[in-house]
Amino acid sequence: MTQLLALVGFSFVSSFTPGPNNILLWASGATFGFWRTLPHVIGTALGLGAMALAAAAGLAAVVVAVPELAFAMRLGGSAYLLYLAWQIGRSRRLQSAALARPLGVRGGATFQLLNPKAWIFALGAVTTFRPTDLPPATGSAFVALVMMLVIVPTAAAWAGAGGAMSRLMSGERSHRIVRITLAVMVIFTVALVWL
């Protein structure tokens, strides 16, 4: 029970704190509303759960054994996130930013591959919280399931906050402030990955 509570706490902090996923969910909620962003929420949970299973299956060992691969993944993910920040910051309205339409389940899941914070989250959860009293496959599935169950409400909260914020925005000035804030937050998360 103590280990489960620790895993839930770790998953909550990792999935609720600002990062690329949450900023995109916020922007999507602001642009398309909560209900149209819900498939992105589900995709985020499924993608992170799959990453946890991949990490447990040995991907973590490959990444540690081949530092160049880890560097390339971090570089590629960071470049994509900076591109998104630029698109969001320079657009005239959130609707014309990088999010031309909601990501959906597949897009939300696939985005995790480019998200450095997601890799840290998945690797950390599996290596730290996999129950040792269960067979490895069962323990890994347990960790992935708990992560996904925690991610759905935290990701939904960010999408909902974006939707609520959208209703409060009126005029170009408020849209510009939100766009610049979102772009700076994405850049900040990229900086944290490299520090």
C-alpha atoms as a PDB file:
ATOM      1  CA  MET A   1       0.000   0.000   0.000  1.00  0.00           C
ATOM      2  CA  THR A   2       2.845   2.395   0.805  1.00  0.00           C
ATOM      3  CA  GLN A   3       4.468   1.698  -2.550  1.00  0.00           C
ATOM      4  CA  LEU A   4       1.144   2.242  -4.341  1.00  0.00           C
ATOM      5  CA  LEU A   5       0.654   5.603  -2.619  1.00  0.00           C
ATOM      6  CA  ALA A   6       4.204   6.597  -3.533  1.00  0.00           C
ATOM      7  CA  LEU A   7       3.581   5.652  -7.181  1.00  0.00           C
ATOM      8  CA  VAL A   8       0.301   7.598  -7.238  1.00  0.00           C
ATOM      9  CA  GLY A   9       2.045  10.621  -5.705  1.00  0.00           C
ATOM     10  CA  PHE A  10       4.925  10.419  -8.165  1.00  0.00           C
ATOM     11  CA  SER A  11       2.500  10.035 -11.080  1.00  0.00           C
ATOM     12  CA  PHE A  12       0.409  12.971  -9.899  1.00  0.00           C
ATOM     13  CA  VAL A  13       3.363  15.315  -9.502  1.00  0.00           C
ATOM     14  CA  SER A  14       4.934  14.200 -12.794  1.00  0.00           C
ATOM     15  CA  SER A  15       1.729  14.478 -14.786  1.00  0.00           C
ATOM     16  CA  PHE A  16       0.235  17.607 -13.208  1.00  0.00           C
ATOM     17  CA  THR A  17       3.249  19.907 -13.207  1.00  0.00           C
ATOM     18  CA  PRO A  18       3.725  22.122 -16.291  1.00  0.00           C
ATOM     19  CA  GLY A  19       5.369  20.395 -19.216  1.00  0.00           C
ATOM     20  CA  PRO A  20       4.936  19.990 -22.955  1.00  0.00           C
ATOM     21  CA  ASN A  21       1.898  17.695 -22.652  1.00  0.00           C
ATOM     22  CA  ASN A  22       0.045  19.961 -20.293  1.00  0.00           C
ATOM     23  CA  ILE A  23       0.799  23.104 -22.254  1.00  0.00           C
ATOM     24  CA  LEU A  24      -0.475  21.481 -25.462  1.00  0.00           C
ATOM     25  CA  LEU A  25      -3.551  20.213 -23.622  1.00  0.00           C
ATOM     26  CA  TRP A  26      -4.148  23.717 -22.272  1.00  0.00           C
ATOM     27  CA  ALA A  27      -3.741  25.245 -25.741  1.00  0.00           C
ATOM     28  CA  SER A  28      -6.011  22.605 -27.267  1.00  0.00           C
ATOM     29  CA  GLY A  29      -8.648  23.159 -24.583  1.00  0.00           C
ATOM     30  CA  ALA A  30      -8.477  26.912 -25.186  1.00  0.00           C
ATOM     31  CA  THR A  31      -8.698  26.462 -28.951  1.00  0.00           C
ATOM     32  CA  PHE A  32     -11.163  23.591 -29.372  1.00  0.00           C
ATOM     33  CA  GLY A  33     -12.840  23.206 -25.982  1.00  0.00           C
ATOM     34  CA  PHE A  34     -12.686  20.408 -23.438  1.00  0.00           C
ATOM     35  CA  TRP A  35     -14.764  17.778 -25.239  1.00  0.00           C
ATOM     36  CA  ARG A  36     -12.854  17.986 -28.521  1.00  0.00           C
ATOM     37  CA  THR A  37      -9.584  17.759 -26.545  1.00  0.00           C
ATOM     38  CA  LEU A  38     -10.664  14.663 -24.599  1.00  0.00           C
ATOM     39  CA  PRO A  39      -9.231  12.190 -27.188  1.00  0.00           C
ATOM     40  CA  HIS A  40      -5.855  13.951 -26.764  1.00  0.00           C
ATOM     41  CA  VAL A  41      -6.176  13.386 -22.987  1.00  0.00           C
ATOM     42  CA  ILE A  42      -6.795   9.656 -23.539  1.00  0.00           C
ATOM     43  CA  GLY A  43      -3.946   9.453 -26.057  1.00  0.00           C
ATOM     44  CA  THR A  44      -1.562  11.046 -23.557  1.00  0.00           C
ATOM     45  CA  ALA A  45      -2.433   8.413 -20.949  1.00  0.00           C
ATOM     46  CA  LEU A  46      -2.147   5.531 -23.426  1.00  0.00           C
ATOM     47  CA  GLY A  47       1.155   6.819 -24.808  1.00  0.00           C
ATOM     48  CA  LEU A  48       2.734   7.173 -21.378  1.00  0.00           C
ATOM     49  CA  GLY A  49       1.454   3.747 -20.338  1.00  0.00           C
ATOM     50  CA  ALA A  50       2.988   2.219 -23.471  1.00  0.00           C
ATOM     51  CA  MET A  51       6.265   4.023 -22.778  1.00  0.00           C
ATOM     52  CA  ALA A  52       6.330   2.587 -19.262  1.00  0.00           C
ATOM     53  CA  LEU A  53       5.877  -0.911 -20.668  1.00  0.00           C
ATOM     54  CA  ALA A  54       8.591  -0.293 -23.275  1.00  0.00           C
ATOM     55  CA  ALA A  55      10.926   0.961 -20.545  1.00  0.00           C
ATOM     56  CA  ALA A  56      10.224  -2.151 -18.504  1.00  0.00           C
ATOM     57  CA  ALA A  57      10.841  -4.360 -21.543  1.00  0.00           C
ATOM     58  CA  GLY A  58      14.390  -3.090 -21.880  1.00  0.00           C
ATOM     59  CA  LEU A  59      14.254   0.177 -23.735  1.00  0.00           C
ATOM     60  CA  ALA A  60      15.637   1.910 -20.654  1.00  0.00           C
ATOM     61  CA  ALA A  61      18.711  -0.334 -20.787  1.00  0.00           C
ATOM     62  CA  VAL A  62      19.240   0.452 -24.482  1.00  0.00           C
ATOM     63  CA  VAL A  63      18.964   4.196 -23.868  1.00  0.00           C
ATOM     64  CA  VAL A  64      21.437   3.993 -20.979  1.00  0.00           C
ATOM     65  CA  ALA A  65      23.818   1.768 -22.969  1.00  0.00           C
ATOM     66  CA  VAL A  66      23.754   4.031 -26.034  1.00  0.00           C
ATOM     67  CA  PRO A  67      24.098   7.624 -24.797  1.00  0.00           C
ATOM     68  CA  GLU A  68      23.977   8.897 -28.367  1.00  0.00           C
ATOM     69  CA  LEU A  69      20.435   7.540 -28.715  1.00  0.00           C
ATOM     70  CA  ALA A  70      19.314   9.322 -25.551  1.00  0.00           C
ATOM     71  CA  PHE A  71      20.955  12.538 -26.783  1.00  0.00           C
ATOM     72  CA  ALA A  72      19.311  12.233 -30.215  1.00  0.00           C
ATOM     73  CA  MET A  73      15.891  11.637 -28.625  1.00  0.00           C
ATOM     74  CA  ARG A  74      16.309  14.649 -26.351  1.00  0.00           C
ATOM     75  CA  LEU A  75      17.560  16.814 -29.231  1.00  0.00           C
ATOM     76  CA  GLY A  76      14.728  15.789 -31.570  1.00  0.00           C
ATOM     77  CA  GLY A  77      12.073  16.272 -28.901  1.00  0.00           C
ATOM     78  CA  SER A  78      13.491  19.651 -27.914  1.00  0.00           C
ATOM     79  CA  ALA A  79      13.624  20.842 -31.531  1.00  0.00           C
ATOM     80  CA  TYR A  80       9.985  19.870 -32.056  1.00  0.00           C
ATOM     81  CA  LEU A  81       8.916  21.600 -28.841  1.00  0.00           C
ATOM     82  CA  LEU A  82      10.778  24.790 -29.799  1.00  0.00           C
ATOM     83  CA  TYR A  83       9.051  24.681 -33.186  1.00  0.00           C
ATOM     84  CA  LEU A  84       5.677  24.418 -31.404  1.00  0.00           C
ATOM     85  CA  ALA A  85       6.605  27.337 -29.126  1.00  0.00           C
ATOM     86  CA  TRP A  86       7.513  29.443 -32.155  1.00  0.00           C
ATOM     87  CA  GLN A  87       4.259  28.540 -33.940  1.00  0.00           C
ATOM     88  CA  ILE A  88       2.153  29.350 -30.886  1.00  0.00           C
ATOM     89  CA  GLY A  89       3.985  32.594 -30.105  1.00  0.00           C
ATOM     90  CA  ARG A  90       3.931  34.027 -33.621  1.00  0.00           C
ATOM     91  CA  SER A  91       0.354  33.130 -34.559  1.00  0.00           C
ATOM     92  CA  ARG A  92      -2.323  35.822 -34.633  1.00  0.00           C
ATOM     93  CA  ARG A  93      -4.801  33.664 -32.678  1.00  0.00           C
ATOM     94  CA  LEU A  94      -4.537  30.378 -30.855  1.00  0.00           C
ATOM     95  CA  GLN A  95      -6.779  28.872 -33.532  1.00  0.00           C
ATOM     96  CA  SER A  96      -4.125  29.551 -36.192  1.00  0.00           C
ATOM     97  CA  ALA A  97      -1.232  28.267 -34.103  1.00  0.00           C
ATOM     98  CA  ALA A  98       0.480  24.894 -34.386  1.00  0.00           C
ATOM     99  CA  LEU A  99      -2.736  23.167 -33.349  1.00  0.00           C
ATOM    100  CA  ALA A 100      -4.756  23.213 -36.586  1.00  0.00           C
ATOM    101  CA  ARG A 101      -7.003  20.529 -35.066  1.00  0.00           C
ATOM    102  CA  PRO A 102      -7.028  18.519 -31.831  1.00  0.00           C
ATOM    103  CA  LEU A 103      -4.308  15.866 -31.690  1.00  0.00           C
ATOM    104  CA  GLY A 104      -6.690  12.969 -31.028  1.00  0.00           C
ATOM    105  CA  VAL A 105      -5.869   9.632 -29.400  1.00  0.00           C
ATOM    106  CA  ARG A 106      -3.135   8.586 -31.847  1.00  0.00           C
ATOM    107  CA  GLY A 107      -1.547  12.041 -31.980  1.00  0.00           C
ATOM    108  CA  GLY A 108      -1.590  12.388 -28.188  1.00  0.00           C
ATOM    109  CA  ALA A 109       0.025   8.959 -27.796  1.00  0.00           C
ATOM    110  CA  THR A 110       2.614   9.552 -30.519  1.00  0.00           C
ATOM    111  CA  PHE A 111       3.573  12.953 -29.104  1.00  0.00           C
ATOM    112  CA  GLN A 112       4.951  11.164 -26.038  1.00  0.00           C
ATOM    113  CA  LEU A 113       7.831   9.806 -28.129  1.00  0.00           C
ATOM    114  CA  LEU A 114       9.050  13.391 -28.676  1.00  0.00           C
ATOM    115  CA  ASN A 115       8.433  14.557 -25.118  1.00  0.00           C
ATOM    116  CA  PRO A 116      11.581  14.410 -22.951  1.00  0.00           C
ATOM    117  CA  LYS A 117       9.573  14.861 -19.742  1.00  0.00           C
ATOM    118  CA  ALA A 118       7.424  11.846 -20.649  1.00  0.00           C
ATOM    119  CA  TRP A 119      10.508   9.643 -21.038  1.00  0.00           C
ATOM    120  CA  ILE A 120      11.844  10.738 -17.660  1.00  0.00           C
ATOM    121  CA  PHE A 121       8.431  10.072 -16.106  1.00  0.00           C
ATOM    122  CA  ALA A 122       8.046   6.602 -17.639  1.00  0.00           C
ATOM    123  CA  LEU A 123      11.607   5.479 -16.908  1.00  0.00           C
ATOM    124  CA  GLY A 124      11.475   6.832 -13.359  1.00  0.00           C
ATOM    125  CA  ALA A 125       8.154   5.166 -12.575  1.00  0.00           C
ATOM    126  CA  VAL A 126       9.158   1.732 -13.834  1.00  0.00           C
ATOM    127  CA  THR A 127      12.644   1.672 -12.331  1.00  0.00           C
ATOM    128  CA  THR A 128      11.579   3.067  -8.960  1.00  0.00           C
ATOM    129  CA  PHE A 129       8.059   1.792  -8.300  1.00  0.00           C
ATOM    130  CA  ARG A 130       7.710  -1.601 -10.007  1.00  0.00           C
ATOM    131  CA  PRO A 131       6.641  -4.005  -7.212  1.00  0.00           C
ATOM    132  CA  THR A 132       9.358  -6.567  -6.538  1.00  0.00           C
ATOM    133  CA  ASP A 133       6.912  -9.078  -5.044  1.00  0.00           C
ATOM    134  CA  LEU A 134       5.132  -9.470  -8.404  1.00  0.00           C
ATOM    135  CA  PRO A 135       6.451 -11.107 -11.587  1.00  0.00           C
ATOM    136  CA  PRO A 136       8.239  -8.451 -13.687  1.00  0.00           C
ATOM    137  CA  ALA A 137       5.592  -8.355 -16.439  1.00  0.00           C
ATOM    138  CA  THR A 138       2.739  -8.062 -13.924  1.00  0.00           C
ATOM    139  CA  GLY A 139       4.579  -5.408 -11.916  1.00  0.00           C
ATOM    140  CA  SER A 140       5.285  -3.391 -15.056  1.00  0.00           C
ATOM    141  CA  ALA A 141       1.653  -3.617 -16.168  1.00  0.00           C
ATOM    142  CA  PHE A 142       0.592  -2.483 -12.691  1.00  0.00           C
ATOM    143  CA  VAL A 143       2.857   0.587 -12.853  1.00  0.00           C
ATOM    144  CA  ALA A 144       1.628   1.462 -16.349  1.00  0.00           C
ATOM    145  CA  LEU A 145      -2.025   1.104 -15.310  1.00  0.00           C
ATOM    146  CA  VAL A 146      -1.598   3.315 -12.227  1.00  0.00           C
ATOM    147  CA  MET A 147       0.203   5.942 -14.313  1.00  0.00           C
ATOM    148  CA  MET A 148      -2.588   5.972 -16.903  1.00  0.00           C
ATOM    149  CA  LEU A 149      -5.310   6.203 -14.247  1.00  0.00           C
ATOM    150  CA  VAL A 150      -3.594   9.216 -12.666  1.00  0.00           C
ATOM    151  CA  ILE A 151      -2.808  10.904 -15.988  1.00  0.00           C
ATOM    152  CA  VAL A 152      -6.406  10.992 -17.240  1.00  0.00           C
ATOM    153  CA  PRO A 153      -7.747  13.373 -14.549  1.00  0.00           C
ATOM    154  CA  THR A 154      -4.594  15.525 -14.437  1.00  0.00           C
ATOM    155  CA  ALA A 155      -4.495  15.907 -18.221  1.00  0.00           C
ATOM    156  CA  ALA A 156      -8.242  16.558 -18.249  1.00  0.00           C
ATOM    157  CA  ALA A 157      -7.731  19.329 -15.676  1.00  0.00           C
ATOM    158  CA  TRP A 158      -5.274  21.106 -18.008  1.00  0.00           C
ATOM    159  CA  ALA A 159      -7.629  20.730 -20.987  1.00  0.00           C
ATOM    160  CA  GLY A 160     -10.518  21.974 -18.860  1.00  0.00           C
ATOM    161  CA  ALA A 161      -8.488  24.957 -17.655  1.00  0.00           C
ATOM    162  CA  GLY A 162      -7.732  25.837 -21.268  1.00  0.00           C
ATOM    163  CA  GLY A 163     -11.412  25.595 -22.142  1.00  0.00           C
ATOM    164  CA  ALA A 164     -12.366  27.808 -19.196  1.00  0.00           C
ATOM    165  CA  MET A 165      -9.665  30.311 -20.111  1.00  0.00           C
ATOM    166  CA  SER A 166     -10.967  30.472 -23.679  1.00  0.00           C
ATOM    167  CA  ARG A 167     -14.352  31.630 -22.443  1.00  0.00           C
ATOM    168  CA  LEU A 168     -12.668  34.438 -20.487  1.00  0.00           C
ATOM    169  CA  MET A 169     -10.541  35.752 -23.352  1.00  0.00           C
ATOM    170  CA  SER A 170     -11.852  38.650 -25.353  1.00  0.00           C
ATOM    171  CA  GLY A 171      -9.915  40.690 -27.826  1.00  0.00           C
ATOM    172  CA  GLU A 172      -6.511  40.438 -29.442  1.00  0.00           C
ATOM    173  CA  ARG A 173      -4.584  41.635 -26.378  1.00  0.00           C
ATOM    174  CA  SER A 174      -5.742  38.748 -24.157  1.00  0.00           C
ATOM    175  CA  HIS A 175      -5.078  36.228 -26.951  1.00  0.00           C
ATOM    176  CA  ARG A 176      -1.557  37.636 -27.415  1.00  0.00           C
ATOM    177  CA  ILE A 177      -0.805  37.388 -23.675  1.00  0.00           C
ATOM    178  CA  VAL A 178      -1.964  33.760 -23.602  1.00  0.00           C
ATOM    179  CA  ARG A 179      -0.007  32.843 -26.766  1.00  0.00           C
ATOM    180  CA  ILE A 180       3.204  34.381 -25.435  1.00  0.00           C
ATOM    181  CA  THR A 181       2.697  32.752 -22.016  1.00  0.00           C
ATOM    182  CA  LEU A 182       2.209  29.329 -23.631  1.00  0.00           C
ATOM    183  CA  ALA A 183       5.264  29.771 -25.869  1.00  0.00           C
ATOM    184  CA  VAL A 184       7.461  30.830 -22.924  1.00  0.00           C
ATOM    185  CA  MET A 185       6.240  27.857 -20.867  1.00  0.00           C
ATOM    186  CA  VAL A 186       7.174  25.437 -23.657  1.00  0.00           C
ATOM    187  CA  ILE A 187      10.631  27.030 -23.966  1.00  0.00           C
ATOM    188  CA  PHE A 188      11.068  26.824 -20.193  1.00  0.00           C
ATOM    189  CA  THR A 189      10.284  23.078 -20.181  1.00  0.00           C
ATOM    190  CA  VAL A 190      12.875  22.539 -22.930  1.00  0.00           C
ATOM    191  CA  ALA A 191      15.451  24.461 -20.877  1.00  0.00           C
ATOM    192  CA  LEU A 192      14.717  22.259 -17.861  1.00  0.00           C
ATOM    193  CA  VAL A 193      15.417  19.126 -19.906  1.00  0.00           C
ATOM    194  CA  TRP A 194      18.913  20.407 -20.724  1.00  0.00           C
ATOM    195  CA  LEU A 195      19.829  21.752 -17.278  1.00  0.00           C
END
